[in-house]
Each structure stands twice: as structure tokens, then as C-alpha cells.
PDB file of N, CA and C in Angstrom:
ATOM      1  N   UNK A   1     -33.117   7.001  16.892  1.00  0.00           N
ATOM      2  CA  UNK A   1     -32.965   7.587  15.664  1.00  0.00           C
ATOM      3  C   UNK A   1     -34.320   8.469  15.196  1.00  0.00           C
ATOM      4  N   UNK A   2     -34.088   9.558  14.688  1.00  0.00           N
ATOM      5  CA  UNK A   2     -35.499  10.309  14.410  1.00  0.00           C
ATOM      6  C   UNK A   2     -35.815   9.683  13.235  1.00  0.00           C
ATOM      7  N   UNK A   3     -37.195   9.734  13.143  1.00  0.00           N
ATOM      8  CA  UNK A   3     -37.970   9.039  12.026  1.00  0.00           C
ATOM      9  C   UNK A   3     -37.791   9.971  10.757  1.00  0.00           C
ATOM     10  N   UNK A   4     -37.692  11.389  11.093  1.00  0.00           N
ATOM     11  CA  UNK A   4     -37.424  12.239   9.906  1.00  0.00           C
ATOM     12  C   UNK A   4     -35.943  11.774   8.976  1.00  0.00           C
ATOM     13  N   UNK A   5     -35.229  11.638  10.020  1.00  0.00           N
ATOM     14  CA  UNK A   5     -33.811  11.473   9.379  1.00  0.00           C
ATOM     15  C   UNK A   5     -33.875  10.058   8.726  1.00  0.00           C
ATOM     16  N   UNK A   6     -34.642   8.946   9.263  1.00  0.00           N
ATOM     17  CA  UNK A   6     -34.752   7.760   8.435  1.00  0.00           C
ATOM     18  C   UNK A   6     -35.402   8.049   7.130  1.00  0.00           C
ATOM     19  N   UNK A   7     -36.600   8.784   6.963  1.00  0.00           N
ATOM     20  CA  UNK A   7     -37.115   8.928   5.961  1.00  0.00           C
ATOM     21  C   UNK A   7     -36.406   9.525   4.793  1.00  0.00           C
ATOM     22  N   UNK A   8     -35.597  10.623   5.319  1.00  0.00           N
ATOM     23  CA  UNK A   8     -34.585  11.304   4.381  1.00  0.00           C
ATOM     24  C   UNK A   8     -33.562  10.427   3.916  1.00  0.00           C
ATOM     25  N   UNK A   9     -33.081   9.564   4.649  1.00  0.00           N
ATOM     26  CA  UNK A   9     -31.927   8.906   4.204  1.00  0.00           C
ATOM     27  C   UNK A   9     -32.448   7.845   3.024  1.00  0.00           C
ATOM     28  N   UNK A  10     -33.528   7.229   3.230  1.00  0.00           N
ATOM     29  CA  UNK A  10     -34.404   6.537   2.187  1.00  0.00           C
ATOM     30  C   UNK A  10     -34.693   7.160   1.132  1.00  0.00           C
ATOM     31  N   UNK A  11     -34.987   8.475   0.947  1.00  0.00           N
ATOM     32  CA  UNK A  11     -35.227   8.968  -0.133  1.00  0.00           C
ATOM     33  C   UNK A  11     -33.929   9.334  -0.804  1.00  0.00           C
ATOM     34  N   UNK A  12     -32.927   9.835  -0.031  1.00  0.00           N
ATOM     35  CA  UNK A  12     -31.549  10.120  -0.560  1.00  0.00           C
ATOM     36  C   UNK A  12     -31.118   8.952  -1.346  1.00  0.00           C
ATOM     37  N   UNK A  13     -31.313   7.664  -0.661  1.00  0.00           N
ATOM     38  CA  UNK A  13     -30.714   6.479  -1.398  1.00  0.00           C
ATOM     39  C   UNK A  13     -31.472   6.151  -2.505  1.00  0.00           C
ATOM     40  N   UNK A  14     -32.787   6.293  -2.727  1.00  0.00           N
ATOM     41  CA  UNK A  14     -33.596   6.001  -3.925  1.00  0.00           C
ATOM     42  C   UNK A  14     -33.107   7.030  -5.047  1.00  0.00           C
ATOM     43  N   UNK A  15     -33.156   8.490  -4.717  1.00  0.00           N
ATOM     44  CA  UNK A  15     -32.618   9.275  -5.684  1.00  0.00           C
ATOM     45  C   UNK A  15     -31.167   9.115  -6.154  1.00  0.00           C
ATOM     46  N   UNK A  16     -30.328   8.768  -5.245  1.00  0.00           N
ATOM     47  CA  UNK A  16     -28.878   8.406  -5.554  1.00  0.00           C
ATOM     48  C   UNK A  16     -28.915   7.167  -6.729  1.00  0.00           C
ATOM     49  N   UNK A  17     -29.678   6.313  -6.086  1.00  0.00           N
ATOM     50  CA  UNK A  17     -29.955   5.138  -7.154  1.00  0.00           C
ATOM     51  C   UNK A  17     -30.187   5.161  -8.557  1.00  0.00           C
ATOM     52  N   UNK A  18     -31.340   6.176  -8.667  1.00  0.00           N
ATOM     53  CA  UNK A  18     -32.198   6.612  -9.730  1.00  0.00           C
ATOM     54  C   UNK A  18     -30.838   7.609 -10.743  1.00  0.00           C
ATOM     55  N   UNK A  19     -30.448   8.514 -10.099  1.00  0.00           N
ATOM     56  CA  UNK A  19     -29.561   9.452 -10.647  1.00  0.00           C
ATOM     57  C   UNK A  19     -28.163   8.386 -11.088  1.00  0.00           C
ATOM     58  N   UNK A  20     -27.584   7.549 -10.354  1.00  0.00           N
ATOM     59  CA  UNK A  20     -26.546   6.947 -10.971  1.00  0.00           C
ATOM     60  C   UNK A  20     -26.717   5.884 -11.995  1.00  0.00           C
ATOM     61  N   UNK A  21     -27.948   5.496 -12.037  1.00  0.00           N
ATOM     62  CA  UNK A  21     -28.539   4.507 -13.164  1.00  0.00           C
ATOM     63  C   UNK A  21     -28.708   5.233 -14.369  1.00  0.00           C
ATOM     64  N   UNK A  22     -29.200   6.282 -14.343  1.00  0.00           N
ATOM     65  CA  UNK A  22     -29.666   7.190 -15.718  1.00  0.00           C
ATOM     66  C   UNK A  22     -28.630   7.735 -16.032  1.00  0.00           C
ATOM     67  N   UNK A  23     -27.959   8.690 -15.378  1.00  0.00           N
ATOM     68  CA  UNK A  23     -26.684   9.723 -15.607  1.00  0.00           C
ATOM     69  C   UNK A  23     -25.368   8.706 -15.831  1.00  0.00           C
ATOM     70  N   UNK A  24     -25.338   7.550 -15.058  1.00  0.00           N
ATOM     71  CA  UNK A  24     -24.192   6.693 -14.963  1.00  0.00           C
ATOM     72  C   UNK A  24     -24.184   6.267 -16.125  1.00  0.00           C
ATOM     73  N   UNK A  25     -25.179   5.558 -16.861  1.00  0.00           N
ATOM     74  CA  UNK A  25     -25.441   4.933 -18.059  1.00  0.00           C
ATOM     75  C   UNK A  25     -24.972   5.924 -19.272  1.00  0.00           C
ATOM     76  N   UNK A  26     -25.366   7.060 -19.353  1.00  0.00           N
ATOM     77  CA  UNK A  26     -25.063   7.881 -20.343  1.00  0.00           C
ATOM     78  C   UNK A  26     -23.495   8.430 -20.212  1.00  0.00           C
ATOM     79  N   UNK A  27     -23.206   8.693 -19.014  1.00  0.00           N
ATOM     80  CA  UNK A  27     -21.494   8.933 -18.726  1.00  0.00           C
ATOM     81  C   UNK A  27     -20.860   7.667 -19.272  1.00  0.00           C
ATOM     82  N   UNK A  28     -21.082   6.413 -18.977  1.00  0.00           N
ATOM     83  CA  UNK A  28     -20.375   5.047 -19.467  1.00  0.00           C
ATOM     84  C   UNK A  28     -20.446   4.987 -21.060  1.00  0.00           C
ATOM     85  N   UNK A  29     -21.459   5.451 -21.746  1.00  0.00           N
ATOM     86  CA  UNK A  29     -21.603   5.521 -23.242  1.00  0.00           C
ATOM     87  C   UNK A  29     -20.725   6.407 -23.634  1.00  0.00           C
ATOM     88  N   UNK A  30     -20.580   7.602 -23.023  1.00  0.00           N
ATOM     89  CA  UNK A  30     -19.728   8.569 -23.559  1.00  0.00           C
ATOM     90  C   UNK A  30     -18.240   8.203 -23.441  1.00  0.00           C
ATOM     91  N   UNK A  31     -17.789   7.673 -22.016  1.00  0.00           N
ATOM     92  CA  UNK A  31     -16.340   7.294 -21.908  1.00  0.00           C
ATOM     93  C   UNK A  31     -16.042   6.356 -22.956  1.00  0.00           C
ATOM     94  N   UNK A  32     -16.989   5.098 -23.110  1.00  0.00           N
ATOM     95  CA  UNK A  32     -16.495   4.155 -24.104  1.00  0.00           C
ATOM     96  C   UNK A  32     -16.627   4.852 -25.737  1.00  0.00           C
ATOM     97  N   UNK A  33     -17.265   5.590 -25.682  1.00  0.00           N
ATOM     98  CA  UNK A  33     -17.187   6.511 -27.056  1.00  0.00           C
ATOM     99  C   UNK A  33     -15.860   7.313 -27.332  1.00  0.00           C
ATOM    100  N   UNK A  34     -15.547   7.824 -26.119  1.00  0.00           N
ATOM    101  CA  UNK A  34     -14.080   8.553 -26.280  1.00  0.00           C
ATOM    102  C   UNK A  34     -13.022   7.404 -26.455  1.00  0.00           C
ATOM    103  N   UNK A  35     -13.248   6.519 -25.907  1.00  0.00           N
ATOM    104  CA  UNK A  35     -12.039   5.338 -26.025  1.00  0.00           C
ATOM    105  C   UNK A  35     -12.194   4.848 -27.557  1.00  0.00           C
ATOM    106  N   UNK A  36     -13.427   4.618 -27.974  1.00  0.00           N
ATOM    107  CA  UNK A  36     -13.451   4.170 -29.199  1.00  0.00           C
ATOM    108  C   UNK A  36     -12.927   5.285 -30.303  1.00  0.00           C
ATOM    109  N   UNK A  37     -13.187   6.257 -30.340  1.00  0.00           N
ATOM    110  CA  UNK A  37     -12.571   7.603 -31.192  1.00  0.00           C
ATOM    111  C   UNK A  37     -11.276   7.850 -30.945  1.00  0.00           C
ATOM    112  N   UNK A  38     -10.886   7.856 -29.722  1.00  0.00           N
ATOM    113  CA  UNK A  38      -9.518   8.426 -29.590  1.00  0.00           C
ATOM    114  C   UNK A  38      -8.645   7.409 -28.948  1.00  0.00           C
ATOM    115  N   UNK A  39      -8.823   6.266 -28.792  1.00  0.00           N
ATOM    116  CA  UNK A  39      -8.180   5.093 -28.267  1.00  0.00           C
ATOM    117  C   UNK A  39      -7.276   4.590 -29.393  1.00  0.00           C
ATOM    118  N   UNK A  40      -6.492   3.452 -29.234  1.00  0.00           N
ATOM    119  CA  UNK A  40      -5.782   2.969 -30.277  1.00  0.00           C
ATOM    120  C   UNK A  40      -6.547   2.307 -31.404  1.00  0.00           C
ATOM    121  N   UNK A  41      -5.942   2.299 -32.452  1.00  0.00           N
ATOM    122  CA  UNK A  41      -6.674   1.780 -33.778  1.00  0.00           C
ATOM    123  C   UNK A  41      -8.303   2.507 -33.636  1.00  0.00           C
ATOM    124  N   UNK A  42      -8.265   3.726 -33.622  1.00  0.00           N
ATOM    125  CA  UNK A  42      -9.660   4.408 -33.733  1.00  0.00           C
ATOM    126  C   UNK A  42     -10.292   3.799 -34.883  1.00  0.00           C
ATOM    127  N   UNK A  43     -11.905   4.618 -34.686  1.00  0.00           N
ATOM    128  CA  UNK A  43     -12.729   4.258 -35.790  1.00  0.00           C
ATOM    129  C   UNK A  43     -12.595   4.572 -37.191  1.00  0.00           C
ATOM    130  N   UNK A  44     -11.316   5.593 -37.398  1.00  0.00           N
ATOM    131  CA  UNK A  44     -10.825   5.659 -38.953  1.00  0.00           C
ATOM    132  C   UNK A  44      -9.972   5.044 -39.479  1.00  0.00           C
ATOM    133  N   UNK A  45      -9.330   4.376 -38.725  1.00  0.00           N
ATOM    134  CA  UNK A  45      -8.186   3.159 -39.396  1.00  0.00           C
ATOM    135  C   UNK A  45      -8.710   2.016 -40.056  1.00  0.00           C
ATOM    136  N   UNK A  46      -8.023   1.829 -41.023  1.00  0.00           N
ATOM    137  CA  UNK A  46      -8.569   0.615 -41.961  1.00  0.00           C
ATOM    138  C   UNK A  46      -8.201  -0.658 -41.143  1.00  0.00           C
ATOM    139  N   UNK A  47      -9.335  -1.274 -40.699  1.00  0.00           N
ATOM    140  CA  UNK A  47      -9.120  -2.634 -39.824  1.00  0.00           C
ATOM    141  C   UNK A  47      -9.776  -3.824 -40.472  1.00  0.00           C
ATOM    142  N   UNK A  48      -9.350  -4.950 -40.593  1.00  0.00           N
ATOM    143  CA  UNK A  48      -9.758  -6.324 -40.908  1.00  0.00           C
ATOM    144  C   UNK A  48     -11.016  -6.445 -40.424  1.00  0.00           C
ATOM    145  N   UNK A  49     -12.085  -7.209 -40.939  1.00  0.00           N
ATOM    146  CA  UNK A  49     -13.096  -7.553 -40.384  1.00  0.00           C
ATOM    147  C   UNK A  49     -13.349  -8.341 -39.151  1.00  0.00           C
ATOM    148  N   UNK A  50     -12.144  -8.929 -38.906  1.00  0.00           N
ATOM    149  CA  UNK A  50     -12.252  -9.849 -37.365  1.00  0.00           C
ATOM    150  C   UNK A  50     -11.465  -8.747 -36.687  1.00  0.00           C
ATOM    151  N   UNK A  51     -10.584  -7.955 -36.743  1.00  0.00           N
ATOM    152  CA  UNK A  51     -10.014  -7.033 -35.842  1.00  0.00           C
ATOM    153  C   UNK A  51     -11.173  -5.984 -35.489  1.00  0.00           C
ATOM    154  N   UNK A  52     -12.110  -5.776 -36.508  1.00  0.00           N
ATOM    155  CA  UNK A  52     -13.156  -4.694 -36.104  1.00  0.00           C
ATOM    156  C   UNK A  52     -14.277  -5.363 -35.195  1.00  0.00           C
ATOM    157  N   UNK A  53     -14.456  -6.729 -35.599  1.00  0.00           N
ATOM    158  CA  UNK A  53     -15.371  -7.292 -34.559  1.00  0.00           C
ATOM    159  C   UNK A  53     -14.860  -7.476 -33.279  1.00  0.00           C
ATOM    160  N   UNK A  54     -13.640  -7.781 -33.081  1.00  0.00           N
ATOM    161  CA  UNK A  54     -13.124  -7.789 -31.674  1.00  0.00           C
ATOM    162  C   UNK A  54     -13.279  -6.455 -31.090  1.00  0.00           C
ATOM    163  N   UNK A  55     -12.871  -5.221 -31.884  1.00  0.00           N
ATOM    164  CA  UNK A  55     -12.954  -3.868 -31.125  1.00  0.00           C
ATOM    165  C   UNK A  55     -14.396  -3.739 -30.863  1.00  0.00           C
ATOM    166  N   UNK A  56     -15.248  -4.050 -31.818  1.00  0.00           N
ATOM    167  CA  UNK A  56     -16.856  -3.484 -31.304  1.00  0.00           C
ATOM    168  C   UNK A  56     -17.402  -4.429 -30.379  1.00  0.00           C
ATOM    169  N   UNK A  57     -16.834  -5.719 -30.226  1.00  0.00           N
ATOM    170  CA  UNK A  57     -17.156  -6.385 -28.928  1.00  0.00           C
ATOM    171  C   UNK A  57     -16.602  -5.901 -27.642  1.00  0.00           C
ATOM    172  N   UNK A  58     -15.480  -5.386 -27.698  1.00  0.00           N
ATOM    173  CA  UNK A  58     -14.837  -4.771 -26.589  1.00  0.00           C
ATOM    174  C   UNK A  58     -15.458  -3.763 -25.910  1.00  0.00           C
ATOM    175  N   UNK A  59     -15.702  -2.825 -26.985  1.00  0.00           N
ATOM    176  CA  UNK A  59     -16.417  -1.665 -26.603  1.00  0.00           C
ATOM    177  C   UNK A  59     -17.774  -1.845 -25.852  1.00  0.00           C
ATOM    178  N   UNK A  60     -18.537  -2.887 -26.527  1.00  0.00           N
ATOM    179  CA  UNK A  60     -20.010  -3.059 -26.177  1.00  0.00           C
ATOM    180  C   UNK A  60     -19.862  -3.640 -24.704  1.00  0.00           C
ATOM    181  N   UNK A  61     -18.662  -4.497 -24.439  1.00  0.00           N
ATOM    182  CA  UNK A  61     -18.821  -4.877 -23.060  1.00  0.00           C
ATOM    183  C   UNK A  61     -17.994  -3.985 -22.160  1.00  0.00           C
ATOM    184  N   UNK A  62     -17.352  -3.040 -22.552  1.00  0.00           N
ATOM    185  CA  UNK A  62     -17.023  -2.073 -21.562  1.00  0.00           C
ATOM    186  C   UNK A  62     -17.961  -1.284 -20.989  1.00  0.00           C
ATOM    187  N   UNK A  63     -19.099  -1.118 -21.425  1.00  0.00           N
ATOM    188  CA  UNK A  63     -20.257  -0.116 -20.898  1.00  0.00           C
ATOM    189  C   UNK A  63     -20.721  -0.628 -19.615  1.00  0.00           C
ATOM    190  N   UNK A  64     -20.968  -2.028 -19.425  1.00  0.00           N
ATOM    191  CA  UNK A  64     -21.545  -2.423 -18.115  1.00  0.00           C
ATOM    192  C   UNK A  64     -20.599  -2.350 -16.943  1.00  0.00           C
ATOM    193  N   UNK A  65     -19.397  -2.715 -16.998  1.00  0.00           N
ATOM    194  CA  UNK A  65     -18.601  -2.483 -15.811  1.00  0.00           C
ATOM    195  C   UNK A  65     -18.427  -1.069 -15.439  1.00  0.00           C
ATOM    196  N   UNK A  66     -18.117  -0.168 -16.447  1.00  0.00           N
ATOM    197  CA  UNK A  66     -18.055   1.167 -16.218  1.00  0.00           C
ATOM    198  C   UNK A  66     -19.263   1.794 -15.512  1.00  0.00           C
ATOM    199  N   UNK A  67     -20.543   1.288 -16.129  1.00  0.00           N
ATOM    200  CA  UNK A  67     -21.615   1.656 -15.418  1.00  0.00           C
ATOM    201  C   UNK A  67     -22.075   1.399 -14.194  1.00  0.00           C
ATOM    202  N   UNK A  68     -21.613  -0.094 -13.783  1.00  0.00           N
ATOM    203  CA  UNK A  68     -21.644  -0.332 -12.478  1.00  0.00           C
ATOM    204  C   UNK A  68     -20.805   0.493 -11.557  1.00  0.00           C
ATOM    205  N   UNK A  69     -19.811   0.704 -11.728  1.00  0.00           N
ATOM    206  CA  UNK A  69     -18.720   1.240 -11.296  1.00  0.00           C
ATOM    207  C   UNK A  69     -19.346   2.663 -10.698  1.00  0.00           C
ATOM    208  N   UNK A  70     -19.883   3.406 -11.778  1.00  0.00           N
ATOM    209  CA  UNK A  70     -20.416   4.936 -11.660  1.00  0.00           C
ATOM    210  C   UNK A  70     -21.468   4.769 -10.671  1.00  0.00           C
ATOM    211  N   UNK A  71     -22.582   3.767 -11.051  1.00  0.00           N
ATOM    212  CA  UNK A  71     -23.682   3.518  -9.809  1.00  0.00           C
ATOM    213  C   UNK A  71     -23.142   3.528  -8.398  1.00  0.00           C
ATOM    214  N   UNK A  72     -22.205   2.539  -8.204  1.00  0.00           N
ATOM    215  CA  UNK A  72     -21.582   2.306  -6.995  1.00  0.00           C
ATOM    216  C   UNK A  72     -21.021   3.541  -6.248  1.00  0.00           C
ATOM    217  N   UNK A  73     -20.483   4.221  -7.192  1.00  0.00           N
ATOM    218  CA  UNK A  73     -19.733   5.573  -6.654  1.00  0.00           C
ATOM    219  C   UNK A  73     -20.720   6.568  -6.400  1.00  0.00           C
ATOM    220  N   UNK A  74     -21.775   6.513  -6.972  1.00  0.00           N
ATOM    221  CA  UNK A  74     -22.963   7.444  -6.698  1.00  0.00           C
ATOM    222  C   UNK A  74     -23.423   7.620  -5.241  1.00  0.00           C
ATOM    223  N   UNK A  75     -23.144   6.275  -4.463  1.00  0.00           N
ATOM    224  CA  UNK A  75     -23.530   6.389  -3.041  1.00  0.00           C
ATOM    225  C   UNK A  75     -22.525   7.079  -2.156  1.00  0.00           C
ATOM    226  N   UNK A  76     -21.401   7.319  -2.665  1.00  0.00           N
ATOM    227  CA  UNK A  76     -20.567   8.133  -1.846  1.00  0.00           C
ATOM    228  C   UNK A  76     -20.658   9.545  -1.761  1.00  0.00           C
ATOM    229  N   UNK A  77     -21.506  10.235  -2.494  1.00  0.00           N
ATOM    230  CA  UNK A  77     -22.109  11.397  -2.330  1.00  0.00           C
ATOM    231  C   UNK A  77     -22.705  11.654  -1.258  1.00  0.00           C
ATOM    232  N   UNK A  78     -22.611  12.959  -0.641  1.00  0.00           N
ATOM    233  CA  UNK A  78     -23.489  13.193   0.557  1.00  0.00           C
ATOM    234  C   UNK A  78     -24.968  13.435   0.350  1.00  0.00           C
ATOM    235  N   UNK A  79     -25.348  14.094  -0.730  1.00  0.00           N
ATOM    236  CA  UNK A  79     -26.775  14.149  -0.960  1.00  0.00           C
ATOM    237  C   UNK A  79     -26.995  13.779  -2.410  1.00  0.00           C
ATOM    238  N   UNK A  80     -28.303  13.498  -2.903  1.00  0.00           N
ATOM    239  CA  UNK A  80     -28.429  13.275  -4.101  1.00  0.00           C
ATOM    240  C   UNK A  80     -28.260  14.354  -5.103  1.00  0.00           C
ATOM    241  N   UNK A  81     -28.335  15.590  -4.693  1.00  0.00           N
ATOM    242  CA  UNK A  81     -28.234  16.941  -5.441  1.00  0.00           C
ATOM    243  C   UNK A  81     -26.635  17.103  -5.843  1.00  0.00           C
ATOM    244  N   UNK A  82     -25.955  16.285  -5.063  1.00  0.00           N
ATOM    245  CA  UNK A  82     -24.475  16.701  -5.223  1.00  0.00           C
ATOM    246  C   UNK A  82     -24.226  15.547  -6.382  1.00  0.00           C
ATOM    247  N   UNK A  83     -24.654  14.272  -6.130  1.00  0.00           N
ATOM    248  CA  UNK A  83     -24.440  13.375  -7.212  1.00  0.00           C
ATOM    249  C   UNK A  83     -24.981  13.719  -8.601  1.00  0.00           C
ATOM    250  N   UNK A  84     -26.300  14.309  -8.450  1.00  0.00           N
ATOM    251  CA  UNK A  84     -26.766  14.698  -9.943  1.00  0.00           C
ATOM    252  C   UNK A  84     -25.830  15.953 -10.591  1.00  0.00           C
ATOM    253  N   UNK A  85     -25.546  16.759  -9.947  1.00  0.00           N
ATOM    254  CA  UNK A  85     -24.538  17.849 -10.237  1.00  0.00           C
ATOM    255  C   UNK A  85     -23.233  17.447 -10.936  1.00  0.00           C
ATOM    256  N   UNK A  86     -22.855  16.310 -10.190  1.00  0.00           N
ATOM    257  CA  UNK A  86     -21.481  15.948 -10.561  1.00  0.00           C
ATOM    258  C   UNK A  86     -21.636  15.260 -11.706  1.00  0.00           C
ATOM    259  N   UNK A  87     -22.650  14.200 -11.824  1.00  0.00           N
ATOM    260  CA  UNK A  87     -22.850  13.357 -13.023  1.00  0.00           C
ATOM    261  C   UNK A  87     -23.128  14.146 -14.080  1.00  0.00           C
ATOM    262  N   UNK A  88     -23.848  15.324 -14.150  1.00  0.00           N
ATOM    263  CA  UNK A  88     -24.258  16.105 -15.174  1.00  0.00           C
ATOM    264  C   UNK A  88     -23.007  16.961 -15.591  1.00  0.00           C
ATOM    265  N   UNK A  89     -22.211  17.393 -14.626  1.00  0.00           N
ATOM    266  CA  UNK A  89     -20.881  18.139 -15.415  1.00  0.00           C
ATOM    267  C   UNK A  89     -20.039  17.140 -15.910  1.00  0.00           C
ATOM    268  N   UNK A  90     -20.021  15.837 -15.475  1.00  0.00           N
ATOM    269  CA  UNK A  90     -19.259  14.691 -16.055  1.00  0.00           C
ATOM    270  C   UNK A  90     -19.722  14.373 -17.453  1.00  0.00           C
ATOM    271  N   UNK A  91     -20.818  14.320 -17.609  1.00  0.00           N
ATOM    272  CA  UNK A  91     -21.698  13.940 -18.980  1.00  0.00           C
ATOM    273  C   UNK A  91     -21.326  15.199 -19.621  1.00  0.00           C
ATOM    274  N   UNK A  92     -21.414  16.234 -19.374  1.00  0.00           N
ATOM    275  CA  UNK A  92     -21.191  17.488 -20.337  1.00  0.00           C
ATOM    276  C   UNK A  92     -19.874  17.487 -20.850  1.00  0.00           C
ATOM    277  N   UNK A  93     -18.972  17.184 -19.763  1.00  0.00           N
ATOM    278  CA  UNK A  93     -17.346  17.319 -19.998  1.00  0.00           C
ATOM    279  C   UNK A  93     -17.153  15.994 -21.161  1.00  0.00           C
ATOM    280  N   UNK A  94     -17.681  14.872 -20.882  1.00  0.00           N
ATOM    281  CA  UNK A  94     -17.221  13.767 -21.784  1.00  0.00           C
ATOM    282  C   UNK A  94     -17.853  13.866 -23.125  1.00  0.00           C
ATOM    283  N   UNK A  95     -19.222  14.336 -23.097  1.00  0.00           N
ATOM    284  CA  UNK A  95     -19.693  14.562 -24.518  1.00  0.00           C
ATOM    285  C   UNK A  95     -19.349  15.803 -25.360  1.00  0.00           C
ATOM    286  N   UNK A  96     -18.866  16.660 -24.595  1.00  0.00           N
ATOM    287  CA  UNK A  96     -18.332  17.916 -25.201  1.00  0.00           C
ATOM    288  C   UNK A  96     -16.963  17.358 -25.748  1.00  0.00           C
ATOM    289  N   UNK A  97     -16.084  16.846 -24.997  1.00  0.00           N
ATOM    290  CA  UNK A  97     -14.816  16.075 -25.593  1.00  0.00           C
ATOM    291  C   UNK A  97     -15.266  15.028 -26.900  1.00  0.00           C
ATOM    292  N   UNK A  98     -16.059  14.081 -26.771  1.00  0.00           N
ATOM    293  CA  UNK A  98     -16.541  13.452 -27.726  1.00  0.00           C
ATOM    294  C   UNK A  98     -16.767  14.279 -29.040  1.00  0.00           C
ATOM    295  N   UNK A  99     -17.546  15.193 -29.036  1.00  0.00           N
ATOM    296  CA  UNK A  99     -17.932  15.687 -30.292  1.00  0.00           C
ATOM    297  C   UNK A  99     -16.609  16.725 -30.919  1.00  0.00           C
ATOM    298  N   UNK A 100     -15.995  17.031 -29.798  1.00  0.00           N
ATOM    299  CA  UNK A 100     -14.771  17.879 -30.457  1.00  0.00           C
ATOM    300  C   UNK A 100     -13.786  16.666 -30.977  1.00  0.00           C
ATOM    301  N   UNK A 101     -13.670  15.593 -30.471  1.00  0.00           N
ATOM    302  CA  UNK A 101     -12.722  14.585 -30.911  1.00  0.00           C
ATOM    303  C   UNK A 101     -13.266  14.002 -32.225  1.00  0.00           C
ATOM    304  N   UNK A 102     -14.457  13.869 -32.352  1.00  0.00           N
ATOM    305  CA  UNK A 102     -15.042  13.300 -33.687  1.00  0.00           C
ATOM    306  C   UNK A 102     -14.741  14.286 -34.669  1.00  0.00           C
ATOM    307  N   UNK A 103     -14.994  15.538 -34.620  1.00  0.00           N
ATOM    308  CA  UNK A 103     -14.700  16.602 -35.647  1.00  0.00           C
ATOM    309  C   UNK A 103     -13.364  16.660 -35.933  1.00  0.00           C
ATOM    310  N   UNK A 104     -12.480  16.546 -35.039  1.00  0.00           N
ATOM    311  CA  UNK A 104     -10.905  16.555 -35.265  1.00  0.00           C
ATOM    312  C   UNK A 104     -10.508  15.342 -36.128  1.00  0.00           C
ATOM    313  N   UNK A 105     -11.012  14.166 -35.648  1.00  0.00           N
ATOM    314  CA  UNK A 105     -10.620  12.970 -36.644  1.00  0.00           C
ATOM    315  C   UNK A 105     -11.185  12.833 -37.811  1.00  0.00           C
TER     316      UNK A 105
END
């Protein structure tokens, strides 16, 4: 195998990891925010303190599995540039929907 190809695959792997970690975290925050605002018993409904505690705990613990799923799928892109573009577009769409939903509710 060509040494240039090995070095390129190592840098692609490193960049895909960094892109997946950083942009994946923001994407998972946005997805959980969408679920919190638009899901059942959204944040504007009157909830008991116990129900609100369970709801907030569920949202808090949903971030990590979503984040790891996004990081894992970031390795399926052919290049790190494709991963970055896709995750940036995903973040823009999710946060755009989140801001629209927050204004509507």
C-alpha cells in the first residue's frame, strides 16, 4: 500500500473523529431540544414537579446515545469534508426548526 494513501486515511480518520465529536454534540443537543419543545408534554404544559423531573432527566440522558450514534455514522462518509458539510447542514436545519418551533409555541 502506498504510504501517501495510509497518511491520507489517518488524517481523514482524525478529522472525521473531530467533526463527529464537535458537530455531533451540537446536533444531538438540537435534536433533544426539538423533542423537548415539540414532543409530548412540551415545555409549555403544566407539569407536576415529579413529571418535570422525569422529563428533564430523560432529555438529559438522550444526548449521549444520540451523540455517539452521530459520531459512529460520521465514519461512513467518504471524506471528512463530506462529513463536515452534512453535519453543518444538519445542524442548521435542526436549529432552524428549533427556533421556529420555540417562537410558535
